[in-house]
Amino acid sequence: MVMRIKCVFQHGDGNNVRFSAHYCKRWTTVRNGWISCDLTDQMLVGTACKFGCHPEYTLQGLETTQCLAHDRWSVPSQPVCNRKYCLTINTIIY
């Protein structure tokens, strides 16, 4: 959901001045990871967010995003955290 706030002020001469604050949609939580935004309470245009994963997971997607004009983020989709896998090496004992 995109939230918008509009304020209307009237000057003494009868002219209206309109202000609009634009917000981007809030990201959902990242499973096995985290999101950190510089303005945590509001997702105003210009807000930057960084995604990260817990140590045993790796990030698939871009690490950072920013709220742009027209109420959209600079990345099209939220990144995900995938579990890291290690190959098992069989040891031969002579």
N, C-alpha and C. Protein backbone atom coordinates (compact mmCIF):
# COMPACT_ATOMS: atom_id res chain seq x y z
N MET A 1 0.84 -1.18 0.00
CA MET A 1 0.00 0.00 0.00
C MET A 1 0.89 1.24 0.00
N VAL A 2 0.61 2.19 -0.85
CA VAL A 2 1.34 3.45 -0.91
C VAL A 2 0.53 4.48 -0.15
N MET A 3 1.20 5.18 0.78
CA MET A 3 0.53 6.20 1.57
C MET A 3 0.93 7.57 1.04
N ARG A 4 0.00 8.48 0.98
CA ARG A 4 0.28 9.84 0.56
C ARG A 4 -0.35 10.81 1.55
N ILE A 5 0.35 11.88 1.82
CA ILE A 5 -0.18 12.92 2.69
C ILE A 5 -0.24 14.20 1.87
N LYS A 6 -1.34 14.87 1.90
CA LYS A 6 -1.47 16.14 1.19
C LYS A 6 -1.90 17.21 2.18
N CYS A 7 -1.22 18.34 2.12
CA CYS A 7 -1.56 19.47 2.99
C CYS A 7 -1.93 20.65 2.09
N VAL A 8 -2.97 21.34 2.44
CA VAL A 8 -3.39 22.51 1.67
C VAL A 8 -3.37 23.72 2.59
N PHE A 9 -2.64 24.76 2.18
CA PHE A 9 -2.58 26.00 2.94
C PHE A 9 -3.16 27.11 2.08
N GLN A 10 -3.85 28.04 2.71
CA GLN A 10 -4.43 29.15 1.95
C GLN A 10 -3.73 30.43 2.38
N HIS A 11 -3.21 31.16 1.37
CA HIS A 11 -2.59 32.46 1.64
C HIS A 11 -3.67 33.51 1.76
N GLY A 12 -3.28 34.68 2.26
CA GLY A 12 -4.23 35.78 2.42
C GLY A 12 -4.87 36.21 1.11
N ASP A 13 -4.19 36.00 -0.02
CA ASP A 13 -4.76 36.42 -1.30
C ASP A 13 -5.70 35.38 -1.89
N GLY A 14 -5.94 34.27 -1.17
CA GLY A 14 -6.87 33.26 -1.63
C GLY A 14 -6.24 32.15 -2.46
N ASN A 15 -4.95 32.25 -2.74
CA ASN A 15 -4.28 31.19 -3.51
C ASN A 15 -3.96 30.00 -2.61
N ASN A 16 -4.22 28.82 -3.11
CA ASN A 16 -3.90 27.61 -2.36
C ASN A 16 -2.51 27.12 -2.74
N VAL A 17 -1.77 26.67 -1.75
CA VAL A 17 -0.47 26.05 -1.97
C VAL A 17 -0.60 24.60 -1.52
N ARG A 18 -0.24 23.66 -2.36
CA ARG A 18 -0.37 22.24 -2.03
C ARG A 18 1.00 21.61 -1.85
N PHE A 19 1.11 20.80 -0.82
CA PHE A 19 2.32 20.03 -0.56
C PHE A 19 1.94 18.56 -0.53
N SER A 20 2.80 17.75 -1.05
CA SER A 20 2.53 16.32 -1.10
C SER A 20 3.76 15.56 -0.61
N ALA A 21 3.58 14.67 0.35
CA ALA A 21 4.67 13.80 0.81
C ALA A 21 4.42 12.42 0.23
N HIS A 22 5.40 11.89 -0.46
CA HIS A 22 5.24 10.58 -1.11
C HIS A 22 6.00 9.52 -0.34
N TYR A 23 5.39 8.36 -0.23
CA TYR A 23 5.96 7.23 0.50
C TYR A 23 6.06 6.01 -0.40
N CYS A 24 7.09 5.21 -0.20
CA CYS A 24 7.19 3.92 -0.87
C CYS A 24 6.60 2.83 0.02
N LYS A 25 6.23 1.74 -0.60
CA LYS A 25 5.70 0.59 0.14
C LYS A 25 6.79 0.05 1.07
N ARG A 26 6.38 -0.30 2.28
CA ARG A 26 7.31 -0.89 3.25
C ARG A 26 7.73 -2.28 2.81
N TRP A 27 9.01 -2.60 2.96
CA TRP A 27 9.50 -3.94 2.66
C TRP A 27 9.04 -4.90 3.73
N THR A 28 8.81 -6.15 3.36
CA THR A 28 8.50 -7.17 4.36
C THR A 28 9.82 -7.62 4.98
N THR A 29 9.74 -8.35 6.05
CA THR A 29 10.96 -8.84 6.69
C THR A 29 11.67 -9.82 5.77
N VAL A 30 12.98 -9.89 5.90
CA VAL A 30 13.77 -10.81 5.09
C VAL A 30 13.98 -12.08 5.90
N ARG A 31 13.51 -13.19 5.39
CA ARG A 31 13.69 -14.47 6.09
C ARG A 31 15.18 -14.80 6.11
N ASN A 32 15.70 -15.11 7.28
CA ASN A 32 17.12 -15.41 7.50
C ASN A 32 18.02 -14.21 7.24
N GLY A 33 17.47 -13.00 7.40
CA GLY A 33 18.26 -11.80 7.18
C GLY A 33 17.63 -10.59 7.84
N TRP A 34 17.98 -9.41 7.36
CA TRP A 34 17.52 -8.17 7.97
C TRP A 34 17.43 -7.04 6.93
N ILE A 35 16.71 -6.00 7.32
CA ILE A 35 16.60 -4.76 6.53
C ILE A 35 16.92 -3.61 7.47
N SER A 36 17.73 -2.67 7.01
CA SER A 36 18.05 -1.48 7.78
C SER A 36 17.81 -0.26 6.90
N CYS A 37 16.91 0.63 7.35
CA CYS A 37 16.59 1.83 6.57
C CYS A 37 17.00 3.07 7.35
N ASP A 38 17.45 4.11 6.63
CA ASP A 38 17.92 5.31 7.32
C ASP A 38 16.80 6.12 7.96
N LEU A 39 15.59 6.00 7.50
CA LEU A 39 14.43 6.62 8.14
C LEU A 39 13.46 5.50 8.47
N THR A 40 13.59 4.91 9.65
CA THR A 40 12.87 3.68 9.95
C THR A 40 11.36 3.84 10.08
N ASP A 41 10.88 5.01 10.49
CA ASP A 41 9.44 5.17 10.70
C ASP A 41 8.69 5.50 9.41
N GLN A 42 9.36 6.14 8.47
CA GLN A 42 8.69 6.57 7.25
C GLN A 42 9.52 6.17 6.05
N MET A 43 8.86 5.79 4.99
CA MET A 43 9.55 5.42 3.75
C MET A 43 9.34 6.53 2.72
N LEU A 44 9.81 7.74 3.08
CA LEU A 44 9.68 8.89 2.20
C LEU A 44 10.61 8.77 1.00
N VAL A 45 10.31 9.52 -0.05
CA VAL A 45 11.22 9.58 -1.20
C VAL A 45 12.60 9.99 -0.70
N GLY A 46 13.63 9.26 -1.11
CA GLY A 46 15.00 9.51 -0.66
C GLY A 46 15.47 8.55 0.41
N THR A 47 14.55 7.84 1.06
CA THR A 47 14.93 6.87 2.08
C THR A 47 15.74 5.75 1.44
N ALA A 48 16.86 5.39 2.07
CA ALA A 48 17.69 4.29 1.57
C ALA A 48 17.58 3.11 2.53
N CYS A 49 17.54 1.91 1.99
CA CYS A 49 17.48 0.68 2.79
C CYS A 49 18.59 -0.27 2.34
N LYS A 50 19.11 -1.01 3.31
CA LYS A 50 20.16 -2.00 3.03
C LYS A 50 19.66 -3.36 3.50
N PHE A 51 19.90 -4.38 2.70
CA PHE A 51 19.51 -5.75 3.02
C PHE A 51 20.75 -6.55 3.38
N GLY A 52 20.60 -7.48 4.30
CA GLY A 52 21.70 -8.37 4.67
C GLY A 52 21.18 -9.71 5.13
N CYS A 53 22.09 -10.67 5.24
CA CYS A 53 21.72 -12.03 5.62
C CYS A 53 22.52 -12.47 6.84
N HIS A 54 21.98 -13.43 7.57
CA HIS A 54 22.70 -14.04 8.68
C HIS A 54 23.94 -14.75 8.12
N PRO A 55 24.96 -15.00 8.96
CA PRO A 55 26.25 -15.53 8.48
C PRO A 55 26.17 -16.80 7.63
N GLU A 56 25.25 -17.69 7.91
CA GLU A 56 25.20 -18.94 7.15
C GLU A 56 24.35 -18.82 5.87
N TYR A 57 23.98 -17.58 5.51
CA TYR A 57 23.16 -17.34 4.31
C TYR A 57 23.85 -16.31 3.41
N THR A 58 23.49 -16.34 2.15
CA THR A 58 24.05 -15.40 1.18
C THR A 58 22.91 -14.65 0.49
N LEU A 59 23.14 -13.37 0.21
CA LEU A 59 22.11 -12.52 -0.38
C LEU A 59 22.00 -12.74 -1.88
N GLN A 60 20.78 -12.94 -2.35
CA GLN A 60 20.52 -13.03 -3.78
C GLN A 60 19.71 -11.80 -4.16
N GLY A 61 20.31 -10.89 -4.90
CA GLY A 61 19.68 -9.63 -5.25
C GLY A 61 20.57 -8.48 -4.84
N LEU A 62 20.09 -7.27 -5.04
CA LEU A 62 20.89 -6.09 -4.71
C LEU A 62 20.86 -5.80 -3.22
N GLU A 63 21.99 -5.29 -2.71
CA GLU A 63 22.14 -5.03 -1.28
C GLU A 63 21.44 -3.75 -0.83
N THR A 64 21.34 -2.75 -1.70
CA THR A 64 20.74 -1.47 -1.31
C THR A 64 19.64 -1.06 -2.28
N THR A 65 18.73 -0.23 -1.77
CA THR A 65 17.65 0.32 -2.59
C THR A 65 17.30 1.70 -2.04
N GLN A 66 16.66 2.51 -2.87
CA GLN A 66 16.26 3.85 -2.45
C GLN A 66 14.85 4.12 -2.94
N CYS A 67 14.08 4.83 -2.10
CA CYS A 67 12.72 5.22 -2.47
C CYS A 67 12.81 6.38 -3.47
N LEU A 68 12.25 6.16 -4.66
CA LEU A 68 12.32 7.14 -5.74
C LEU A 68 11.00 7.89 -5.88
N ALA A 69 11.01 8.91 -6.73
CA ALA A 69 9.77 9.62 -7.04
C ALA A 69 8.77 8.63 -7.63
N HIS A 70 7.55 8.98 -7.64
CA HIS A 70 6.46 8.13 -8.13
C HIS A 70 6.26 6.91 -7.22
N ASP A 71 6.71 7.00 -5.97
CA ASP A 71 6.42 6.00 -4.94
C ASP A 71 6.89 4.60 -5.31
N ARG A 72 8.10 4.47 -5.82
CA ARG A 72 8.63 3.15 -6.15
C ARG A 72 10.08 3.05 -5.68
N TRP A 73 10.53 1.83 -5.47
CA TRP A 73 11.90 1.55 -5.03
C TRP A 73 12.81 1.40 -6.24
N SER A 74 14.12 1.62 -6.04
CA SER A 74 15.09 1.53 -7.14
C SER A 74 15.37 0.09 -7.56
N VAL A 75 14.96 -0.89 -6.77
CA VAL A 75 15.07 -2.30 -7.17
C VAL A 75 13.65 -2.84 -7.36
N PRO A 76 13.45 -3.67 -8.38
CA PRO A 76 12.09 -4.13 -8.67
C PRO A 76 11.54 -5.15 -7.68
N SER A 77 12.42 -5.91 -7.02
CA SER A 77 11.92 -6.91 -6.08
C SER A 77 12.87 -7.04 -4.89
N GLN A 78 12.32 -7.49 -3.80
CA GLN A 78 13.10 -7.64 -2.57
C GLN A 78 14.07 -8.81 -2.69
N PRO A 79 15.34 -8.62 -2.27
CA PRO A 79 16.28 -9.75 -2.32
C PRO A 79 15.91 -10.82 -1.30
N VAL A 80 16.49 -12.00 -1.46
CA VAL A 80 16.24 -13.12 -0.55
C VAL A 80 17.58 -13.65 -0.04
N CYS A 81 17.51 -14.33 1.10
CA CYS A 81 18.70 -14.96 1.69
C CYS A 81 18.63 -16.46 1.48
N ASN A 82 19.62 -17.01 0.80
CA ASN A 82 19.70 -18.44 0.53
C ASN A 82 20.79 -19.07 1.39
N ARG A 83 20.53 -20.27 1.86
CA ARG A 83 21.51 -20.98 2.69
C ARG A 83 22.75 -21.29 1.86
N LYS A 84 23.92 -21.08 2.49
CA LYS A 84 25.19 -21.43 1.84
C LYS A 84 25.36 -22.94 1.91
N TYR A 85 25.87 -23.51 0.86
CA TYR A 85 26.12 -24.95 0.83
C TYR A 85 27.60 -25.19 0.60
N CYS A 86 28.13 -26.18 1.29
CA CYS A 86 29.53 -26.57 1.11
C CYS A 86 29.54 -27.96 0.49
N LEU A 87 30.47 -28.17 -0.39
CA LEU A 87 30.63 -29.49 -0.99
C LEU A 87 31.32 -30.41 0.01
N THR A 88 30.88 -31.62 0.07
CA THR A 88 31.52 -32.61 0.94
C THR A 88 32.64 -33.27 0.16
N ILE A 89 33.81 -33.27 0.75
CA ILE A 89 34.96 -33.90 0.10
C ILE A 89 35.25 -35.20 0.82
N ASN A 90 35.23 -36.28 0.09
CA ASN A 90 35.54 -37.59 0.67
C ASN A 90 37.05 -37.75 0.79
N THR A 91 37.49 -38.14 1.94
CA THR A 91 38.91 -38.34 2.18
C THR A 91 39.25 -39.82 2.03
N ILE A 92 40.29 -40.08 1.27
CA ILE A 92 40.74 -41.47 1.09
C ILE A 92 41.91 -41.70 2.03
N ILE A 93 41.79 -42.69 2.87
CA ILE A 93 42.86 -43.02 3.82
C ILE A 93 43.59 -44.24 3.29
N TYR A 94 44.92 -44.17 3.19
CA TYR A 94 45.75 -45.28 2.69
C TYR A 94 46.32 -46.06 3.82
